[in-house]
């Protein structure tokens, strides 16, 4: 089943959130080399921690607005494909940040 995704380097921003965690798990199952960049998990408990998403991937915690840190993470990952899922999960919260 892995086919296309096997051994592809995939970079996922927002991998600690709900959608990013699920995407990272699926990519791991499809045998991709998953690299994530995100803030620490937003809730406790979190899907990211409960499903042990980090065990099958390389994970960097940082803010998407920190360009230098993001660039370093991407240079290290050398991704074939990138998914940008980093976002504010609640619209109201986005007004204050």
Protein backbone atom coordinates (compact mmCIF):
# COMPACT_ATOMS: atom_id res chain seq x y z
CA UNK A 1 0.00 0.00 0.00
CA UNK A 2 2.79 2.58 0.65
CA UNK A 3 3.81 2.92 -3.01
CA UNK A 4 4.30 6.61 -3.77
CA UNK A 5 4.96 7.68 -0.16
CA UNK A 6 7.59 5.06 0.70
CA UNK A 7 10.85 6.78 1.70
CA UNK A 8 9.62 10.22 0.64
CA UNK A 9 10.78 13.00 2.96
CA UNK A 10 7.61 14.83 4.03
CA UNK A 11 7.59 18.05 6.05
CA UNK A 12 4.42 18.80 8.05
CA UNK A 13 3.86 22.12 9.81
CA UNK A 14 1.32 21.95 12.61
CA UNK A 15 2.00 18.27 13.28
CA UNK A 16 1.06 18.58 16.98
CA UNK A 17 -2.51 19.68 16.21
CA UNK A 18 -5.44 17.38 15.50
CA UNK A 19 -5.20 17.29 11.70
CA UNK A 20 -1.41 17.41 11.65
CA UNK A 21 -1.19 14.47 14.06
CA UNK A 22 -3.52 12.34 11.93
CA UNK A 23 -1.67 13.23 8.73
CA UNK A 24 1.67 12.40 10.36
CA UNK A 25 0.36 9.02 11.55
CA UNK A 26 -0.93 8.15 8.08
CA UNK A 27 2.31 9.18 6.42
CA UNK A 28 4.26 7.04 8.89
CA UNK A 29 2.01 4.10 8.09
CA UNK A 30 2.70 4.68 4.39
CA UNK A 31 6.43 4.51 5.20
CA UNK A 32 7.26 8.16 4.54
CA UNK A 33 10.07 9.86 6.43
CA UNK A 34 8.02 12.40 8.36
CA UNK A 35 9.46 15.65 9.72
CA UNK A 36 7.29 18.00 11.75
CA UNK A 37 7.51 21.62 12.82
CA UNK A 38 4.97 23.04 15.26
CA UNK A 39 4.27 24.55 18.63
CA UNK A 40 4.10 22.25 21.64
CA UNK A 41 0.82 20.25 21.71
CA UNK A 42 -2.04 22.72 22.26
CA UNK A 43 -4.13 20.67 24.70
CA UNK A 44 -3.71 18.20 27.52
CA UNK A 45 -4.34 15.47 26.79
CA UNK A 46 -3.52 15.78 23.10
CA UNK A 47 -3.84 13.37 20.20
CA UNK A 48 -0.16 13.99 19.46
CA UNK A 49 0.88 12.65 22.88
CA UNK A 50 -1.84 10.01 23.31
CA UNK A 51 -1.19 8.42 19.90
CA UNK A 52 2.59 8.76 20.35
CA UNK A 53 2.89 10.46 16.98
CA UNK A 54 6.42 11.68 17.73
CA UNK A 55 7.79 8.14 18.06
CA UNK A 56 7.80 7.59 14.30
CA UNK A 57 9.08 10.93 13.09
CA UNK A 58 11.54 13.78 13.51
CA UNK A 59 9.94 16.61 15.45
CA UNK A 60 10.98 20.24 15.95
CA UNK A 61 9.04 22.53 18.27
CA UNK A 62 8.96 26.14 17.16
CA UNK A 63 6.76 28.99 16.02
CA UNK A 64 6.00 29.17 12.30
CA UNK A 65 6.73 32.90 12.53
CA UNK A 66 10.38 32.18 13.48
CA UNK A 67 11.75 32.13 9.94
CA UNK A 68 15.33 31.15 10.80
CA UNK A 69 14.27 28.16 12.92
CA UNK A 70 11.79 27.05 10.26
CA UNK A 71 14.41 27.33 7.51
CA UNK A 72 16.89 25.26 9.52
CA UNK A 73 14.28 22.55 10.12
CA UNK A 74 13.42 22.43 6.41
CA UNK A 75 17.08 22.35 5.37
CA UNK A 76 17.67 19.43 7.71
CA UNK A 77 14.58 17.55 6.48
CA UNK A 78 15.22 18.19 2.77
CA UNK A 79 11.57 17.46 2.00
CA UNK A 80 10.21 16.08 -1.24
CA UNK A 81 6.75 17.28 -0.18
CA UNK A 82 5.51 19.80 2.39
CA UNK A 83 2.09 20.10 4.03
CA UNK A 84 1.36 23.43 5.73
CA UNK A 85 -1.20 22.77 8.49
CA UNK A 86 0.06 25.23 11.11
CA UNK A 87 -2.83 27.51 12.06
CA UNK A 88 -4.81 28.93 14.95
CA UNK A 89 -7.40 26.26 15.82
CA UNK A 90 -9.94 28.81 17.05
CA UNK A 91 -10.82 31.97 15.15
CA UNK A 92 -11.37 34.00 18.33
CA UNK A 93 -7.82 33.16 19.53
CA UNK A 94 -6.36 34.41 16.26
CA UNK A 95 -7.55 37.96 16.98
CA UNK A 96 -5.40 38.21 20.10
CA UNK A 97 -2.17 36.89 18.53
